[in-house]
Amino acid sequence: MDRVLAVTIDKFKNIKFTKGNTAVMDLTIKKNGQPYDYSNDLVQLTIKTDIYTNEVLIQKTFANGSIKFVPDDTKNLDYGVYKYDVALTTPDGDFCTVITERNFEITGRVTENA
C-alpha cells in the first residue's frame, strides 16, 4: 500500500486511520518478486472488531489498484483497534490472503469537517 492521505501504515502493515477522514490506498501484490496483475481478480480489504466475529464493519474492493475511504466509512466506528486483512479471489475461485490479520486503529481528531 503506497499512496495515502490521513493514514499511517507501519512496516508491519498496521494502519492508523483518523476517524471520518478521506484516504486513498494503493496495493501492489508481488508473485515471485514481480508485480502481480490482479485486475481480473477480486481483491478486498475487510475490517472487523476481531478475527472471531462474522460481522464485517467495512469492506472495500480494490479497483484499478486502489481503494478509497470516505468520511462515512468510519464516522460511526468507535475509537480503538480493529482487525483487517486483504484477500484475493481469482476468477477460478482460488482464495489467498495477501495481507494477513493486522491492526486497523481508528484515531481521534480535533477538527470536525464542515
PDB file of N, CA and C in Angstrom:
ATOM      1  N   MET A   1       0.855  -1.170   0.000  1.00  0.00           N
ATOM      2  CA  MET A   1       0.000   0.000   0.000  1.00  0.00           C
ATOM      3  C   MET A   1       0.894   1.224   0.000  1.00  0.00           C
ATOM      4  N   ASP A   2       0.686   2.097  -0.956  1.00  0.00           N
ATOM      5  CA  ASP A   2       1.605   3.200  -1.149  1.00  0.00           C
ATOM      6  C   ASP A   2       0.982   4.565  -0.847  1.00  0.00           C
ATOM      7  N   ARG A   3       0.133   5.042  -1.731  1.00  0.00           N
ATOM      8  CA  ARG A   3      -0.396   6.402  -1.683  1.00  0.00           C
ATOM      9  C   ARG A   3      -1.461   6.499  -0.603  1.00  0.00           C
ATOM     10  N   VAL A   4      -1.231   7.378   0.358  1.00  0.00           N
ATOM     11  CA  VAL A   4      -2.199   7.543   1.427  1.00  0.00           C
ATOM     12  C   VAL A   4      -2.344   9.012   1.775  1.00  0.00           C
ATOM     13  N   LEU A   5      -3.455   9.337   2.358  1.00  0.00           N
ATOM     14  CA  LEU A   5      -3.718  10.671   2.871  1.00  0.00           C
ATOM     15  C   LEU A   5      -4.463  10.452   4.176  1.00  0.00           C
ATOM     16  N   ALA A   6      -3.954  11.013   5.254  1.00  0.00           N
ATOM     17  CA  ALA A   6      -4.584  10.896   6.570  1.00  0.00           C
ATOM     18  C   ALA A   6      -4.488   9.487   7.152  1.00  0.00           C
ATOM     19  N   VAL A   7      -3.480   8.736   6.729  1.00  0.00           N
ATOM     20  CA  VAL A   7      -3.308   7.366   7.195  1.00  0.00           C
ATOM     21  C   VAL A   7      -1.823   7.130   7.471  1.00  0.00           C
ATOM     22  N   THR A   8      -1.542   6.320   8.500  1.00  0.00           N
ATOM     23  CA  THR A   8      -0.174   5.886   8.756  1.00  0.00           C
ATOM     24  C   THR A   8      -0.145   4.374   8.651  1.00  0.00           C
ATOM     25  N   ILE A   9       0.804   3.846   7.875  1.00  0.00           N
ATOM     26  CA  ILE A   9       0.977   2.407   7.743  1.00  0.00           C
ATOM     27  C   ILE A   9       2.401   2.098   8.174  1.00  0.00           C
ATOM     28  N   ASP A  10       2.561   1.275   9.220  1.00  0.00           N
ATOM     29  CA  ASP A  10       3.905   0.971   9.699  1.00  0.00           C
ATOM     30  C   ASP A  10       4.525  -0.183   8.903  1.00  0.00           C
ATOM     31  N   LYS A  11       5.750  -0.533   9.253  1.00  0.00           N
ATOM     32  CA  LYS A  11       6.469  -1.570   8.499  1.00  0.00           C
ATOM     33  C   LYS A  11       5.837  -2.945   8.630  1.00  0.00           C
ATOM     34  N   PHE A  12       4.947  -3.129   9.620  1.00  0.00           N
ATOM     35  CA  PHE A  12       4.251  -4.403   9.796  1.00  0.00           C
ATOM     36  C   PHE A  12       2.882  -4.393   9.130  1.00  0.00           C
ATOM     37  N   LYS A  13       2.562  -3.310   8.410  1.00  0.00           N
ATOM     38  CA  LYS A  13       1.295  -3.104   7.700  1.00  0.00           C
ATOM     39  C   LYS A  13       0.122  -2.823   8.636  1.00  0.00           C
ATOM     40  N   ASN A  14       0.410  -2.437   9.900  1.00  0.00           N
ATOM     41  CA  ASN A  14      -0.640  -1.947  10.787  1.00  0.00           C
ATOM     42  C   ASN A  14      -1.018  -0.550  10.319  1.00  0.00           C
ATOM     43  N   ILE A  15      -2.314  -0.243  10.360  1.00  0.00           N
ATOM     44  CA  ILE A  15      -2.816   1.026   9.841  1.00  0.00           C
ATOM     45  C   ILE A  15      -3.377   1.863  10.982  1.00  0.00           C
ATOM     46  N   LYS A  16      -3.045   3.171  10.986  1.00  0.00           N
ATOM     47  CA  LYS A  16      -3.687   4.151  11.858  1.00  0.00           C
ATOM     48  C   LYS A  16      -4.454   5.094  10.950  1.00  0.00           C
ATOM     49  N   PHE A  17      -5.732   5.232  11.235  1.00  0.00           N
ATOM     50  CA  PHE A  17      -6.633   5.984  10.361  1.00  0.00           C
ATOM     51  C   PHE A  17      -7.402   6.978  11.209  1.00  0.00           C
ATOM     52  N   THR A  18      -7.395   8.243  10.823  1.00  0.00           N
ATOM     53  CA  THR A  18      -8.134   9.256  11.564  1.00  0.00           C
ATOM     54  C   THR A  18      -9.612   9.170  11.218  1.00  0.00           C
ATOM     55  N   LYS A  19     -10.441   9.008  12.249  1.00  0.00           N
ATOM     56  CA  LYS A  19     -11.884   8.826  12.084  1.00  0.00           C
ATOM     57  C   LYS A  19     -12.490   9.938  11.227  1.00  0.00           C
ATOM     58  N   GLY A  20     -13.299   9.534  10.251  1.00  0.00           N
ATOM     59  CA  GLY A  20     -14.024  10.481   9.420  1.00  0.00           C
ATOM     60  C   GLY A  20     -13.220  11.126   8.309  1.00  0.00           C
ATOM     61  N   ASN A  21     -12.012  10.689   8.074  1.00  0.00           N
ATOM     62  CA  ASN A  21     -11.182  11.273   7.026  1.00  0.00           C
ATOM     63  C   ASN A  21     -11.359  10.562   5.692  1.00  0.00           C
ATOM     64  N   THR A  22     -10.832  11.184   4.652  1.00  0.00           N
ATOM     65  CA  THR A  22     -10.769  10.605   3.321  1.00  0.00           C
ATOM     66  C   THR A  22      -9.351  10.096   3.100  1.00  0.00           C
ATOM     67  N   ALA A  23      -9.226   8.935   2.496  1.00  0.00           N
ATOM     68  CA  ALA A  23      -7.902   8.390   2.210  1.00  0.00           C
ATOM     69  C   ALA A  23      -7.984   7.459   1.007  1.00  0.00           C
ATOM     70  N   VAL A  24      -6.901   7.431   0.240  1.00  0.00           N
ATOM     71  CA  VAL A  24      -6.759   6.504  -0.887  1.00  0.00           C
ATOM     72  C   VAL A  24      -5.552   5.638  -0.597  1.00  0.00           C
ATOM     73  N   MET A  25      -5.713   4.334  -0.764  1.00  0.00           N
ATOM     74  CA  MET A  25      -4.612   3.397  -0.561  1.00  0.00           C
ATOM     75  C   MET A  25      -4.414   2.586  -1.831  1.00  0.00           C
ATOM     76  N   ASP A  26      -3.163   2.486  -2.245  1.00  0.00           N
ATOM     77  CA  ASP A  26      -2.794   1.667  -3.400  1.00  0.00           C
ATOM     78  C   ASP A  26      -2.227   0.346  -2.895  1.00  0.00           C
ATOM     79  N   LEU A  27      -2.418  -0.696  -3.671  1.00  0.00           N
ATOM     80  CA  LEU A  27      -1.907  -2.016  -3.297  1.00  0.00           C
ATOM     81  C   LEU A  27      -1.117  -2.609  -4.452  1.00  0.00           C
ATOM     82  N   THR A  28       0.110  -3.022  -4.143  1.00  0.00           N
ATOM     83  CA  THR A  28       0.937  -3.763  -5.093  1.00  0.00           C
ATOM     84  C   THR A  28       1.107  -5.169  -4.530  1.00  0.00           C
ATOM     85  N   ILE A  29       0.768  -6.163  -5.326  1.00  0.00           N
ATOM     86  CA  ILE A  29       0.944  -7.563  -4.943  1.00  0.00           C
ATOM     87  C   ILE A  29       2.085  -8.117  -5.782  1.00  0.00           C
ATOM     88  N   LYS A  30       2.984  -8.828  -5.138  1.00  0.00           N
ATOM     89  CA  LYS A  30       4.105  -9.425  -5.865  1.00  0.00           C
ATOM     90  C   LYS A  30       4.010 -10.944  -5.819  1.00  0.00           C
ATOM     91  N   LYS A  31       4.379 -11.545  -6.929  1.00  0.00           N
ATOM     92  CA  LYS A  31       4.452 -13.002  -7.047  1.00  0.00           C
ATOM     93  C   LYS A  31       5.834 -13.317  -7.577  1.00  0.00           C
ATOM     94  N   ASN A  32       6.588 -14.093  -6.817  1.00  0.00           N
ATOM     95  CA  ASN A  32       7.975 -14.410  -7.181  1.00  0.00           C
ATOM     96  C   ASN A  32       8.810 -13.149  -7.396  1.00  0.00           C
ATOM     97  N   GLY A  33       8.540 -12.123  -6.564  1.00  0.00           N
ATOM     98  CA  GLY A  33       9.307 -10.887  -6.616  1.00  0.00           C
ATOM     99  C   GLY A  33       8.895  -9.909  -7.702  1.00  0.00           C
ATOM    100  N   GLN A  34       7.938 -10.287  -8.534  1.00  0.00           N
ATOM    101  CA  GLN A  34       7.484  -9.430  -9.626  1.00  0.00           C
ATOM    102  C   GLN A  34       6.056  -8.961  -9.355  1.00  0.00           C
ATOM    103  N   PRO A  35       5.697  -7.741  -9.810  1.00  0.00           N
ATOM    104  CA  PRO A  35       4.319  -7.274  -9.637  1.00  0.00           C
ATOM    105  C   PRO A  35       3.332  -8.256 -10.266  1.00  0.00           C
ATOM    106  N   TYR A  36       2.268  -8.539  -9.528  1.00  0.00           N
ATOM    107  CA  TYR A  36       1.228  -9.458  -9.983  1.00  0.00           C
ATOM    108  C   TYR A  36       0.038  -8.638 -10.469  1.00  0.00           C
ATOM    109  N   ASP A  37      -0.432  -8.911 -11.680  1.00  0.00           N
ATOM    110  CA  ASP A  37      -1.591  -8.214 -12.236  1.00  0.00           C
ATOM    111  C   ASP A  37      -2.864  -8.866 -11.697  1.00  0.00           C
ATOM    112  N   TYR A  38      -3.523  -8.168 -10.791  1.00  0.00           N
ATOM    113  CA  TYR A  38      -4.748  -8.714 -10.197  1.00  0.00           C
ATOM    114  C   TYR A  38      -6.005  -8.016 -10.721  1.00  0.00           C
ATOM    115  N   SER A  39      -5.900  -7.423 -11.901  1.00  0.00           N
ATOM    116  CA  SER A  39      -7.033  -6.678 -12.457  1.00  0.00           C
ATOM    117  C   SER A  39      -8.251  -7.561 -12.743  1.00  0.00           C
ATOM    118  N   ASN A  40      -8.055  -8.860 -12.928  1.00  0.00           N
ATOM    119  CA  ASN A  40      -9.187  -9.763 -13.162  1.00  0.00           C
ATOM    120  C   ASN A  40      -9.636 -10.480 -11.894  1.00  0.00           C
ATOM    121  N   ASP A  41      -8.962 -10.223 -10.779  1.00  0.00           N
ATOM    122  CA  ASP A  41      -9.266 -10.872  -9.508  1.00  0.00           C
ATOM    123  C   ASP A  41     -10.101  -9.942  -8.628  1.00  0.00           C
ATOM    124  N   LEU A  42     -10.776 -10.515  -7.658  1.00  0.00           N
ATOM    125  CA  LEU A  42     -11.482  -9.751  -6.645  1.00  0.00           C
ATOM    126  C   LEU A  42     -10.541  -9.606  -5.454  1.00  0.00           C
ATOM    127  N   VAL A  43     -10.163  -8.366  -5.125  1.00  0.00           N
ATOM    128  CA  VAL A  43      -9.264  -8.112  -4.008  1.00  0.00           C
ATOM    129  C   VAL A  43      -9.987  -7.181  -3.046  1.00  0.00           C
ATOM    130  N   GLN A  44     -10.137  -7.640  -1.788  1.00  0.00           N
ATOM    131  CA  GLN A  44     -10.904  -6.880  -0.803  1.00  0.00           C
ATOM    132  C   GLN A  44     -10.144  -6.703   0.500  1.00  0.00           C
ATOM    133  N   LEU A  45     -10.278  -5.509   1.075  1.00  0.00           N
ATOM    134  CA  LEU A  45      -9.825  -5.219   2.423  1.00  0.00           C
ATOM    135  C   LEU A  45     -11.047  -5.317   3.317  1.00  0.00           C
ATOM    136  N   THR A  46     -10.953  -6.106   4.380  1.00  0.00           N
ATOM    137  CA  THR A  46     -12.074  -6.309   5.296  1.00  0.00           C
ATOM    138  C   THR A  46     -11.654  -5.914   6.698  1.00  0.00           C
ATOM    139  N   ILE A  47     -12.533  -5.160   7.382  1.00  0.00           N
ATOM    140  CA  ILE A  47     -12.283  -4.721   8.751  1.00  0.00           C
ATOM    141  C   ILE A  47     -13.377  -5.279   9.648  1.00  0.00           C
ATOM    142  N   LYS A  48     -12.952  -5.881  10.771  1.00  0.00           N
ATOM    143  CA  LYS A  48     -13.862  -6.423  11.779  1.00  0.00           C
ATOM    144  C   LYS A  48     -13.375  -6.013  13.164  1.00  0.00           C
ATOM    145  N   THR A  49     -14.236  -6.189  14.166  1.00  0.00           N
ATOM    146  CA  THR A  49     -13.811  -5.869  15.534  1.00  0.00           C
ATOM    147  C   THR A  49     -12.703  -6.798  15.986  1.00  0.00           C
ATOM    148  N   ASP A  50     -12.770  -8.051  15.580  1.00  0.00           N
ATOM    149  CA  ASP A  50     -11.729  -9.034  15.882  1.00  0.00           C
ATOM    150  C   ASP A  50     -11.827 -10.164  14.867  1.00  0.00           C
ATOM    151  N   ILE A  51     -10.896 -11.093  14.925  1.00  0.00           N
ATOM    152  CA  ILE A  51     -10.877 -12.157  13.915  1.00  0.00           C
ATOM    153  C   ILE A  51     -11.916 -13.244  14.168  1.00  0.00           C
ATOM    154  N   TYR A  52     -12.562 -13.195  15.323  1.00  0.00           N
ATOM    155  CA  TYR A  52     -13.505 -14.252  15.691  1.00  0.00           C
ATOM    156  C   TYR A  52     -14.954 -13.938  15.341  1.00  0.00           C
ATOM    157  N   THR A  53     -15.227 -12.727  14.901  1.00  0.00           N
ATOM    158  CA  THR A  53     -16.592 -12.340  14.585  1.00  0.00           C
ATOM    159  C   THR A  53     -16.859 -12.497  13.090  1.00  0.00           C
ATOM    160  N   ASN A  54     -18.121 -12.701  12.753  1.00  0.00           N
ATOM    161  CA  ASN A  54     -18.529 -12.736  11.347  1.00  0.00           C
ATOM    162  C   ASN A  54     -18.979 -11.367  10.852  1.00  0.00           C
ATOM    163  N   GLU A  55     -19.198 -10.425  11.783  1.00  0.00           N
ATOM    164  CA  GLU A  55     -19.705  -9.107  11.412  1.00  0.00           C
ATOM    165  C   GLU A  55     -18.612  -8.260  10.759  1.00  0.00           C
ATOM    166  N   VAL A  56     -18.866  -7.890   9.514  1.00  0.00           N
ATOM    167  CA  VAL A  56     -17.941  -7.043   8.765  1.00  0.00           C
ATOM    168  C   VAL A  56     -18.336  -5.589   9.004  1.00  0.00           C
ATOM    169  N   LEU A  57     -17.389  -4.786   9.473  1.00  0.00           N
ATOM    170  CA  LEU A  57     -17.643  -3.364   9.704  1.00  0.00           C
ATOM    171  C   LEU A  57     -17.440  -2.553   8.429  1.00  0.00           C
ATOM    172  N   ILE A  58     -16.373  -2.842   7.725  1.00  0.00           N
ATOM    173  CA  ILE A  58     -16.056  -2.165   6.459  1.00  0.00           C
ATOM    174  C   ILE A  58     -15.456  -3.202   5.521  1.00  0.00           C
ATOM    175  N   GLN A  59     -15.896  -3.161   4.267  1.00  0.00           N
ATOM    176  CA  GLN A  59     -15.257  -3.988   3.246  1.00  0.00           C
ATOM    177  C   GLN A  59     -15.113  -3.146   1.988  1.00  0.00           C
ATOM    178  N   LYS A  60     -13.887  -3.027   1.522  1.00  0.00           N
ATOM    179  CA  LYS A  60     -13.578  -2.226   0.345  1.00  0.00           C
ATOM    180  C   LYS A  60     -12.980  -3.124  -0.727  1.00  0.00           C
ATOM    181  N   THR A  61     -13.416  -2.932  -1.964  1.00  0.00           N
ATOM    182  CA  THR A  61     -12.900  -3.683  -3.093  1.00  0.00           C
ATOM    183  C   THR A  61     -11.939  -2.809  -3.883  1.00  0.00           C
ATOM    184  N   PHE A  62     -10.749  -3.329  -4.138  1.00  0.00           N
ATOM    185  CA  PHE A  62      -9.760  -2.593  -4.910  1.00  0.00           C
ATOM    186  C   PHE A  62     -10.202  -2.508  -6.365  1.00  0.00           C
ATOM    187  N   ALA A  63     -10.147  -1.298  -6.913  1.00  0.00           N
ATOM    188  CA  ALA A  63     -10.448  -1.051  -8.319  1.00  0.00           C
ATOM    189  C   ALA A  63      -9.273  -0.276  -8.896  1.00  0.00           C
ATOM    190  N   ASN A  64      -8.730  -0.760  -9.989  1.00  0.00           N
ATOM    191  CA  ASN A  64      -7.558  -0.130 -10.603  1.00  0.00           C
ATOM    192  C   ASN A  64      -6.410   0.018  -9.601  1.00  0.00           C
ATOM    193  N   GLY A  65      -6.288  -0.951  -8.690  1.00  0.00           N
ATOM    194  CA  GLY A  65      -5.179  -0.973  -7.752  1.00  0.00           C
ATOM    195  C   GLY A  65      -5.339  -0.126  -6.510  1.00  0.00           C
ATOM    196  N   SER A  66      -6.524   0.474  -6.323  1.00  0.00           N
ATOM    197  CA  SER A  66      -6.722   1.377  -5.183  1.00  0.00           C
ATOM    198  C   SER A  66      -8.073   1.158  -4.511  1.00  0.00           C
ATOM    199  N   ILE A  67      -8.123   1.601  -3.262  1.00  0.00           N
ATOM    200  CA  ILE A  67      -9.403   1.733  -2.561  1.00  0.00           C
ATOM    201  C   ILE A  67      -9.461   3.145  -2.003  1.00  0.00           C
ATOM    202  N   LYS A  68     -10.671   3.644  -1.846  1.00  0.00           N
ATOM    203  CA  LYS A  68     -10.854   4.984  -1.290  1.00  0.00           C
ATOM    204  C   LYS A  68     -11.792   4.895  -0.091  1.00  0.00           C
ATOM    205  N   PHE A  69     -11.335   5.462   1.011  1.00  0.00           N
ATOM    206  CA  PHE A  69     -12.179   5.631   2.187  1.00  0.00           C
ATOM    207  C   PHE A  69     -12.765   7.031   2.144  1.00  0.00           C
ATOM    208  N   VAL A  70     -14.048   7.132   2.457  1.00  0.00           N
ATOM    209  CA  VAL A  70     -14.718   8.424   2.561  1.00  0.00           C
ATOM    210  C   VAL A  70     -15.148   8.606   4.013  1.00  0.00           C
ATOM    211  N   PRO A  71     -15.457   9.837   4.432  1.00  0.00           N
ATOM    212  CA  PRO A  71     -15.792  10.080   5.837  1.00  0.00           C
ATOM    213  C   PRO A  71     -16.884   9.166   6.406  1.00  0.00           C
ATOM    214  N   ASP A  72     -17.894   8.843   5.617  1.00  0.00           N
ATOM    215  CA  ASP A  72     -18.975   7.984   6.118  1.00  0.00           C
ATOM    216  C   ASP A  72     -18.513   6.571   6.479  1.00  0.00           C
ATOM    217  N   ASP A  73     -17.395   6.125   5.912  1.00  0.00           N
ATOM    218  CA  ASP A  73     -16.915   4.765   6.189  1.00  0.00           C
ATOM    219  C   ASP A  73     -16.569   4.563   7.658  1.00  0.00           C
ATOM    220  N   THR A  74     -16.028   5.584   8.303  1.00  0.00           N
ATOM    221  CA  THR A  74     -15.542   5.415   9.687  1.00  0.00           C
ATOM    222  C   THR A  74     -16.259   6.284  10.708  1.00  0.00           C
ATOM    223  N   LYS A  75     -17.170   7.137  10.277  1.00  0.00           N
ATOM    224  CA  LYS A  75     -17.763   8.099  11.211  1.00  0.00           C
ATOM    225  C   LYS A  75     -18.537   7.446  12.353  1.00  0.00           C
ATOM    226  N   ASN A  76     -19.068   6.251  12.144  1.00  0.00           N
ATOM    227  CA  ASN A  76     -19.838   5.589  13.191  1.00  0.00           C
ATOM    228  C   ASN A  76     -19.040   4.563  13.994  1.00  0.00           C
ATOM    229  N   LEU A  77     -17.749   4.429  13.691  1.00  0.00           N
ATOM    230  CA  LEU A  77     -16.911   3.492  14.447  1.00  0.00           C
ATOM    231  C   LEU A  77     -16.362   4.176  15.688  1.00  0.00           C
ATOM    232  N   ASP A  78     -16.263   3.425  16.779  1.00  0.00           N
ATOM    233  CA  ASP A  78     -15.631   3.935  17.989  1.00  0.00           C
ATOM    234  C   ASP A  78     -14.129   4.011  17.775  1.00  0.00           C
ATOM    235  N   TYR A  79     -13.477   4.919  18.521  1.00  0.00           N
ATOM    236  CA  TYR A  79     -12.024   4.942  18.514  1.00  0.00           C
ATOM    237  C   TYR A  79     -11.534   3.615  19.072  1.00  0.00           C
ATOM    238  N   GLY A  80     -10.442   3.107  18.541  1.00  0.00           N
ATOM    239  CA  GLY A  80      -9.899   1.859  19.048  1.00  0.00           C
ATOM    240  C   GLY A  80      -9.228   1.058  17.955  1.00  0.00           C
ATOM    241  N   VAL A  81      -8.840  -0.163  18.332  1.00  0.00           N
ATOM    242  CA  VAL A  81      -8.097  -1.039  17.425  1.00  0.00           C
ATOM    243  C   VAL A  81      -9.016  -2.143  16.916  1.00  0.00           C
ATOM    244  N   TYR A  82      -9.076  -2.269  15.613  1.00  0.00           N
ATOM    245  CA  TYR A  82      -9.847  -3.298  14.922  1.00  0.00           C
ATOM    246  C   TYR A  82      -8.851  -4.203  14.197  1.00  0.00           C
ATOM    247  N   LYS A  83      -9.351  -5.204  13.505  1.00  0.00           N
ATOM    248  CA  LYS A  83      -8.512  -6.105  12.717  1.00  0.00           C
ATOM    249  C   LYS A  83      -8.897  -5.997  11.243  1.00  0.00           C
ATOM    250  N   TYR A  84      -7.882  -6.083  10.380  1.00  0.00           N
ATOM    251  CA  TYR A  84      -8.149  -6.098   8.941  1.00  0.00           C
ATOM    252  C   TYR A  84      -7.239  -7.120   8.266  1.00  0.00           C
ATOM    253  N   ASP A  85      -7.650  -7.519   7.078  1.00  0.00           N
ATOM    254  CA  ASP A  85      -6.781  -8.272   6.184  1.00  0.00           C
ATOM    255  C   ASP A  85      -7.150  -7.914   4.757  1.00  0.00           C
ATOM    256  N   VAL A  86      -6.348  -8.386   3.821  1.00  0.00           N
ATOM    257  CA  VAL A  86      -6.625  -8.196   2.398  1.00  0.00           C
ATOM    258  C   VAL A  86      -6.575  -9.572   1.756  1.00  0.00           C
ATOM    259  N   ALA A  87      -7.646  -9.911   1.031  1.00  0.00           N
ATOM    260  CA  ALA A  87      -7.743 -11.229   0.411  1.00  0.00           C
ATOM    261  C   ALA A  87      -8.036 -11.098  -1.081  1.00  0.00           C
ATOM    262  N   LEU A  88      -7.567 -12.080  -1.816  1.00  0.00           N
ATOM    263  CA  LEU A  88      -7.699 -12.120  -3.271  1.00  0.00           C
ATOM    264  C   LEU A  88      -8.438 -13.396  -3.664  1.00  0.00           C
ATOM    265  N   THR A  89      -9.412 -13.253  -4.559  1.00  0.00           N
ATOM    266  CA  THR A  89     -10.107 -14.409  -5.130  1.00  0.00           C
ATOM    267  C   THR A  89      -9.970 -14.334  -6.646  1.00  0.00           C
ATOM    268  N   THR A  90      -9.456 -15.407  -7.245  1.00  0.00           N
ATOM    269  CA  THR A  90      -9.284 -15.440  -8.694  1.00  0.00           C
ATOM    270  C   THR A  90     -10.606 -15.808  -9.366  1.00  0.00           C
ATOM    271  N   PRO A  91     -10.719 -15.570 -10.675  1.00  0.00           N
ATOM    272  CA  PRO A  91     -11.934 -15.984 -11.395  1.00  0.00           C
ATOM    273  C   PRO A  91     -12.200 -17.487 -11.294  1.00  0.00           C
ATOM    274  N   ASP A  92     -11.140 -18.298 -11.062  1.00  0.00           N
ATOM    275  CA  ASP A  92     -11.302 -19.750 -10.915  1.00  0.00           C
ATOM    276  C   ASP A  92     -11.752 -20.150  -9.512  1.00  0.00           C
ATOM    277  N   GLY A  93     -11.840 -19.169  -8.594  1.00  0.00           N
ATOM    278  CA  GLY A  93     -12.280 -19.469  -7.239  1.00  0.00           C
ATOM    279  C   GLY A  93     -11.161 -19.706  -6.246  1.00  0.00           C
ATOM    280  N   ASP A  94      -9.904 -19.604  -6.684  1.00  0.00           N
ATOM    281  CA  ASP A  94      -8.793 -19.735  -5.739  1.00  0.00           C
ATOM    282  C   ASP A  94      -8.803 -18.539  -4.802  1.00  0.00           C
ATOM    283  N   PHE A  95      -8.493 -18.776  -3.520  1.00  0.00           N
ATOM    284  CA  PHE A  95      -8.556 -17.744  -2.486  1.00  0.00           C
ATOM    285  C   PHE A  95      -7.209 -17.650  -1.787  1.00  0.00           C
ATOM    286  N   CYS A  96      -6.722 -16.416  -1.597  1.00  0.00           N
ATOM    287  CA  CYS A  96      -5.428 -16.204  -0.951  1.00  0.00           C
ATOM    288  C   CYS A  96      -5.479 -14.922  -0.121  1.00  0.00           C
ATOM    289  N   THR A  97      -5.052 -15.014   1.128  1.00  0.00           N
ATOM    290  CA  THR A  97      -4.931 -13.827   1.962  1.00  0.00           C
ATOM    291  C   THR A  97      -3.570 -13.208   1.673  1.00  0.00           C
ATOM    292  N   VAL A  98      -3.558 -12.012   1.071  1.00  0.00           N
ATOM    293  CA  VAL A  98      -2.297 -11.398   0.655  1.00  0.00           C
ATOM    294  C   VAL A  98      -1.709 -10.492   1.733  1.00  0.00           C
ATOM    295  N   ILE A  99      -2.529  -9.986   2.635  1.00  0.00           N
ATOM    296  CA  ILE A  99      -2.063  -9.326   3.857  1.00  0.00           C
ATOM    297  C   ILE A  99      -2.820  -9.990   4.992  1.00  0.00           C
ATOM    298  N   THR A 100      -2.094 -10.708   5.834  1.00  0.00           N
ATOM    299  CA  THR A 100      -2.736 -11.424   6.931  1.00  0.00           C
ATOM    300  C   THR A 100      -3.198 -10.446   8.006  1.00  0.00           C
ATOM    301  N   GLU A 101      -3.913 -10.952   8.966  1.00  0.00           N
ATOM    302  CA  GLU A 101      -4.519 -10.144  10.034  1.00  0.00           C
ATOM    303  C   GLU A 101      -3.538  -9.135  10.616  1.00  0.00           C
ATOM    304  N   ARG A 102      -3.966  -7.874  10.586  1.00  0.00           N
ATOM    305  CA  ARG A 102      -3.185  -6.752  11.110  1.00  0.00           C
ATOM    306  C   ARG A 102      -4.117  -5.808  11.857  1.00  0.00           C
ATOM    307  N   ASN A 103      -3.526  -4.850  12.561  1.00  0.00           N
ATOM    308  CA  ASN A 103      -4.317  -3.862  13.293  1.00  0.00           C
ATOM    309  C   ASN A 103      -4.753  -2.721  12.380  1.00  0.00           C
ATOM    310  N   PHE A 104      -5.978  -2.263  12.595  1.00  0.00           N
ATOM    311  CA  PHE A 104      -6.525  -1.084  11.930  1.00  0.00           C
ATOM    312  C   PHE A 104      -7.058  -0.200  13.052  1.00  0.00           C
ATOM    313  N   GLU A 105      -6.294   0.839  13.379  1.00  0.00           N
ATOM    314  CA  GLU A 105      -6.644   1.683  14.528  1.00  0.00           C
ATOM    315  C   GLU A 105      -7.353   2.947  14.064  1.00  0.00           C
ATOM    316  N   ILE A 106      -8.522   3.202  14.664  1.00  0.00           N
ATOM    317  CA  ILE A 106      -9.255   4.435  14.413  1.00  0.00           C
ATOM    318  C   ILE A 106      -8.836   5.433  15.486  1.00  0.00           C
ATOM    319  N   THR A 107      -8.250   6.556  15.046  1.00  0.00           N
ATOM    320  CA  THR A 107      -7.767   7.556  15.983  1.00  0.00           C
ATOM    321  C   THR A 107      -8.654   8.798  15.939  1.00  0.00           C
ATOM    322  N   GLY A 108      -8.506   9.636  16.937  1.00  0.00           N
ATOM    323  CA  GLY A 108      -9.326  10.846  17.047  1.00  0.00           C
ATOM    324  C   GLY A 108      -8.764  11.999  16.254  1.00  0.00           C
ATOM    325  N   ARG A 109      -9.529  13.063  16.267  1.00  0.00           N
ATOM    326  CA  ARG A 109      -9.120  14.304  15.600  1.00  0.00           C
ATOM    327  C   ARG A 109      -9.666  15.474  16.402  1.00  0.00           C
ATOM    328  N   VAL A 110      -9.103  16.628  16.174  1.00  0.00           N
ATOM    329  CA  VAL A 110      -9.532  17.835  16.856  1.00  0.00           C
ATOM    330  C   VAL A 110     -10.517  18.611  15.971  1.00  0.00           C
ATOM    331  N   THR A 111     -10.212  18.720  14.682  1.00  0.00           N
ATOM    332  CA  THR A 111     -11.017  19.493  13.768  1.00  0.00           C
ATOM    333  C   THR A 111     -12.139  18.647  13.192  1.00  0.00           C
ATOM    334  N   GLU A 112     -13.360  19.125  13.274  1.00  0.00           N
ATOM    335  CA  GLU A 112     -14.510  18.457  12.655  1.00  0.00           C
ATOM    336  C   GLU A 112     -14.682  19.003  11.246  1.00  0.00           C
ATOM    337  N   ASN A 113     -15.118  18.140  10.316  1.00  0.00           N
ATOM    338  CA  ASN A 113     -15.354  18.628   8.961  1.00  0.00           C
ATOM    339  C   ASN A 113     -16.681  19.392   8.911  1.00  0.00           C
ATOM    340  N   ALA A 114     -16.723  20.350   8.019  1.00  0.00           N
ATOM    341  CA  ALA A 114     -17.865  21.263   7.922  1.00  0.00           C
ATOM    342  C   ALA A 114     -19.108  20.594   7.407  1.00  0.00           C
TER     343      ALA A 114
END
